[in-house]
C-alpha atoms as a PDB file:
ATOM      1  CA  UNK A   1     -94.132-192.285 -70.783  1.00  0.00           C
ATOM      2  CA  UNK A   2     -96.210-195.907 -71.355  1.00  0.00           C
ATOM      3  CA  UNK A   3     -98.367-197.392 -68.640  1.00  0.00           C
ATOM      4  CA  UNK A   4     -98.771-201.229 -67.974  1.00  0.00           C
ATOM      5  CA  UNK A   5    -102.689-200.726 -67.023  1.00  0.00           C
ATOM      6  CA  UNK A   6    -105.479-198.230 -67.560  1.00  0.00           C
ATOM      7  CA  UNK A   7    -107.881-197.987 -65.381  1.00  0.00           C
ATOM      8  CA  UNK A   8    -111.889-196.832 -65.633  1.00  0.00           C
ATOM      9  CA  UNK A   9    -114.655-195.809 -63.495  1.00  0.00           C
ATOM     10  CA  UNK A  10    -117.073-197.072 -65.707  1.00  0.00           C
ATOM     11  CA  UNK A  11    -119.902-194.959 -64.871  1.00  0.00           C
ATOM     12  CA  UNK A  12    -120.081-192.193 -66.955  1.00  0.00           C
ATOM     13  CA  UNK A  13    -116.691-192.687 -68.410  1.00  0.00           C
ATOM     14  CA  UNK A  14    -117.236-195.935 -70.738  1.00  0.00           C
ATOM     15  CA  UNK A  15    -120.998-196.597 -69.686  1.00  0.00           C
ATOM     16  CA  UNK A  16    -123.870-194.028 -70.237  1.00  0.00           C
ATOM     17  CA  UNK A  17    -125.436-194.481 -66.452  1.00  0.00           C
ATOM     18  CA  UNK A  18    -127.995-192.094 -66.910  1.00  0.00           C
ATOM     19  CA  UNK A  19    -129.453-193.596 -69.895  1.00  0.00           C
ATOM     20  CA  UNK A  20    -129.287-196.890 -68.135  1.00  0.00           C
ATOM     21  CA  UNK A  21    -130.885-196.004 -64.900  1.00  0.00           C
ATOM     22  CA  UNK A  22    -133.806-194.049 -67.164  1.00  0.00           C
ATOM     23  CA  UNK A  23    -134.705-197.176 -69.108  1.00  0.00           C
ATOM     24  CA  UNK A  24    -134.236-199.445 -65.837  1.00  0.00           C
ATOM     25  CA  UNK A  25    -136.757-197.417 -64.051  1.00  0.00           C
ATOM     26  CA  UNK A  26    -139.174-197.425 -66.788  1.00  0.00           C
ATOM     27  CA  UNK A  27    -138.962-201.326 -67.244  1.00  0.00           C
ATOM     28  CA  UNK A  28    -139.380-201.800 -63.615  1.00  0.00           C
ATOM     29  CA  UNK A  29    -142.615-199.970 -63.445  1.00  0.00           C
ATOM     30  CA  UNK A  30    -144.028-201.935 -66.791  1.00  0.00           C
ATOM     31  CA  UNK A  31    -142.719-205.298 -64.703  1.00  0.00           C
ATOM     32  CA  UNK A  32    -144.882-204.217 -61.584  1.00  0.00           C
ATOM     33  CA  UNK A  33    -147.694-203.522 -64.506  1.00  0.00           C
ATOM     34  CA  UNK A  34    -147.935-199.698 -62.610  1.00  0.00           C
ATOM     35  CA  UNK A  35    -148.276-196.635 -64.817  1.00  0.00           C
ATOM     36  CA  UNK A  36    -144.994-194.828 -65.623  1.00  0.00           C
ATOM     37  CA  UNK A  37    -144.568-191.087 -66.482  1.00  0.00           C
ATOM     38  CA  UNK A  38    -141.487-189.896 -67.550  1.00  0.00           C
ATOM     39  CA  UNK A  39    -141.552-187.141 -64.936  1.00  0.00           C
ATOM     40  CA  UNK A  40    -140.864-190.023 -62.281  1.00  0.00           C
ATOM     41  CA  UNK A  41    -137.328-190.149 -63.712  1.00  0.00           C
ATOM     42  CA  UNK A  42    -136.735-186.398 -62.344  1.00  0.00           C
ATOM     43  CA  UNK A  43    -138.454-187.123 -59.002  1.00  0.00           C
ATOM     44  CA  UNK A  44    -136.380-190.593 -58.642  1.00  0.00           C
ATOM     45  CA  UNK A  45    -132.997-188.655 -59.323  1.00  0.00           C
ATOM     46  CA  UNK A  46    -134.048-185.907 -56.822  1.00  0.00           C
ATOM     47  CA  UNK A  47    -134.791-188.435 -54.182  1.00  0.00           C
ATOM     48  CA  UNK A  48    -131.740-190.682 -55.188  1.00  0.00           C
ATOM     49  CA  UNK A  49    -129.405-187.524 -54.732  1.00  0.00           C
ATOM     50  CA  UNK A  50    -130.584-186.640 -51.101  1.00  0.00           C
ATOM     51  CA  UNK A  51    -130.284-190.441 -50.386  1.00  0.00           C
ATOM     52  CA  UNK A  52    -126.839-190.519 -51.274  1.00  0.00           C
ATOM     53  CA  UNK A  53    -125.897-187.216 -49.346  1.00  0.00           C
ATOM     54  CA  UNK A  54    -127.375-189.162 -46.345  1.00  0.00           C
ATOM     55  CA  UNK A  55    -125.349-192.211 -46.971  1.00  0.00           C
ATOM     56  CA  UNK A  56    -122.174-189.627 -46.996  1.00  0.00           C
ATOM     57  CA  UNK A  57    -123.057-188.010 -43.819  1.00  0.00           C
ATOM     58  CA  UNK A  58    -123.427-191.945 -42.218  1.00  0.00           C
ATOM     59  CA  UNK A  59    -127.064-191.102 -41.371  1.00  0.00           C
ATOM     60  CA  UNK A  60    -128.269-194.443 -43.251  1.00  0.00           C
ATOM     61  CA  UNK A  61    -126.490-197.799 -44.838  1.00  0.00           C
ATOM     62  CA  UNK A  62    -126.196-198.238 -48.438  1.00  0.00           C
ATOM     63  CA  UNK A  63    -129.005-201.253 -48.110  1.00  0.00           C
ATOM     64  CA  UNK A  64    -131.333-198.953 -46.401  1.00  0.00           C
ATOM     65  CA  UNK A  65    -130.881-196.212 -49.520  1.00  0.00           C
ATOM     66  CA  UNK A  66    -131.014-198.967 -51.792  1.00  0.00           C
ATOM     67  CA  UNK A  67    -134.991-199.829 -50.858  1.00  0.00           C
ATOM     68  CA  UNK A  68    -135.755-196.300 -49.200  1.00  0.00           C
ATOM     69  CA  UNK A  69    -135.499-194.422 -52.612  1.00  0.00           C
ATOM     70  CA  UNK A  70    -137.996-196.329 -54.087  1.00  0.00           C
ATOM     71  CA  UNK A  71    -140.557-196.523 -50.993  1.00  0.00           C
ATOM     72  CA  UNK A  72    -140.526-192.598 -51.414  1.00  0.00           C
ATOM     73  CA  UNK A  73    -140.790-192.513 -55.055  1.00  0.00           C
ATOM     74  CA  UNK A  74    -143.729-195.099 -55.252  1.00  0.00           C
ATOM     75  CA  UNK A  75    -145.485-193.223 -52.067  1.00  0.00           C
ATOM     76  CA  UNK A  76    -144.762-189.800 -54.107  1.00  0.00           C
ATOM     77  CA  UNK A  77    -146.566-191.366 -57.211  1.00  0.00           C
ATOM     78  CA  UNK A  78    -149.066-193.104 -55.650  1.00  0.00           C
ATOM     79  CA  UNK A  79    -148.094-196.614 -56.616  1.00  0.00           C
ATOM     80  CA  UNK A  80    -148.660-199.345 -53.819  1.00  0.00           C
ATOM     81  CA  UNK A  81    -145.958-201.900 -54.529  1.00  0.00           C
ATOM     82  CA  UNK A  82    -143.152-203.181 -52.484  1.00  0.00           C
ATOM     83  CA  UNK A  83    -139.759-201.208 -52.442  1.00  0.00           C
ATOM     84  CA  UNK A  84    -137.640-203.956 -51.930  1.00  0.00           C
ATOM     85  CA  UNK A  85    -139.233-206.261 -54.740  1.00  0.00           C
ATOM     86  CA  UNK A  86    -139.080-202.851 -56.755  1.00  0.00           C
ATOM     87  CA  UNK A  87    -135.385-201.987 -55.961  1.00  0.00           C
ATOM     88  CA  UNK A  88    -134.486-205.526 -56.763  1.00  0.00           C
ATOM     89  CA  UNK A  89    -136.026-205.600 -60.308  1.00  0.00           C
ATOM     90  CA  UNK A  90    -134.622-201.872 -60.912  1.00  0.00           C
ATOM     91  CA  UNK A  91    -131.302-203.211 -59.968  1.00  0.00           C
ATOM     92  CA  UNK A  92    -131.807-206.026 -62.293  1.00  0.00           C
ATOM     93  CA  UNK A  93    -132.317-204.111 -65.309  1.00  0.00           C
ATOM     94  CA  UNK A  94    -129.328-201.849 -64.456  1.00  0.00           C
ATOM     95  CA  UNK A  95    -126.955-204.878 -64.734  1.00  0.00           C
ATOM     96  CA  UNK A  96    -128.707-205.449 -68.063  1.00  0.00           C
ATOM     97  CA  UNK A  97    -128.124-202.039 -69.483  1.00  0.00           C
ATOM     98  CA  UNK A  98    -125.725-201.326 -72.056  1.00  0.00           C
ATOM     99  CA  UNK A  99    -125.417-197.791 -73.058  1.00  0.00           C
ATOM    100  CA  UNK A 100    -121.825-196.791 -73.986  1.00  0.00           C
ATOM    101  CA  UNK A 101    -120.576-193.367 -73.918  1.00  0.00           C
ATOM    102  CA  UNK A 102    -119.750-192.157 -77.614  1.00  0.00           C
ATOM    103  CA  UNK A 103    -116.436-193.233 -78.508  1.00  0.00           C
ATOM    104  CA  UNK A 104    -115.723-195.561 -75.375  1.00  0.00           C
ATOM    105  CA  UNK A 105    -115.473-198.360 -77.742  1.00  0.00           C
ATOM    106  CA  UNK A 106    -113.169-196.906 -79.828  1.00  0.00           C
ATOM    107  CA  UNK A 107    -111.030-196.011 -76.891  1.00  0.00           C
ATOM    108  CA  UNK A 108    -110.950-199.390 -75.192  1.00  0.00           C
ATOM    109  CA  UNK A 109    -110.013-200.709 -79.047  1.00  0.00           C
ATOM    110  CA  UNK A 110    -106.880-198.580 -79.571  1.00  0.00           C
ATOM    111  CA  UNK A 111    -105.792-199.462 -75.846  1.00  0.00           C
ATOM    112  CA  UNK A 112    -106.377-203.058 -76.554  1.00  0.00           C
ATOM    113  CA  UNK A 113    -102.695-204.781 -76.823  1.00  0.00           C
ATOM    114  CA  UNK A 114    -100.789-201.641 -75.475  1.00  0.00           C
ATOM    115  CA  UNK A 115    -102.194-201.525 -71.803  1.00  0.00           C
ATOM    116  CA  UNK A 116    -104.041-204.067 -69.520  1.00  0.00           C
END
């Protein structure tokens, strides 16, 4: 059987979002001249997961989630910075991240010319 199209969910399939997110978080703290500790990543992920669950239950909007997760994180680690500005900076760094899952480039190259 042949297929005309191959569709991928990029995060966790082609791109290593976990590595990208970790680096983006550390860079955002650096950009705001705030001390960063690697333990902040686990705290951020815990906050983020709870808020995504609240989003799925309809308890908050996506826009609120994007800012609220950083408001909670910054408060928890004692950093007084604007959560919206921090969220924007983090998302900017995520957009610049290019960590590929091992084998992703080889897979896409092998499909080139055989499918769209």
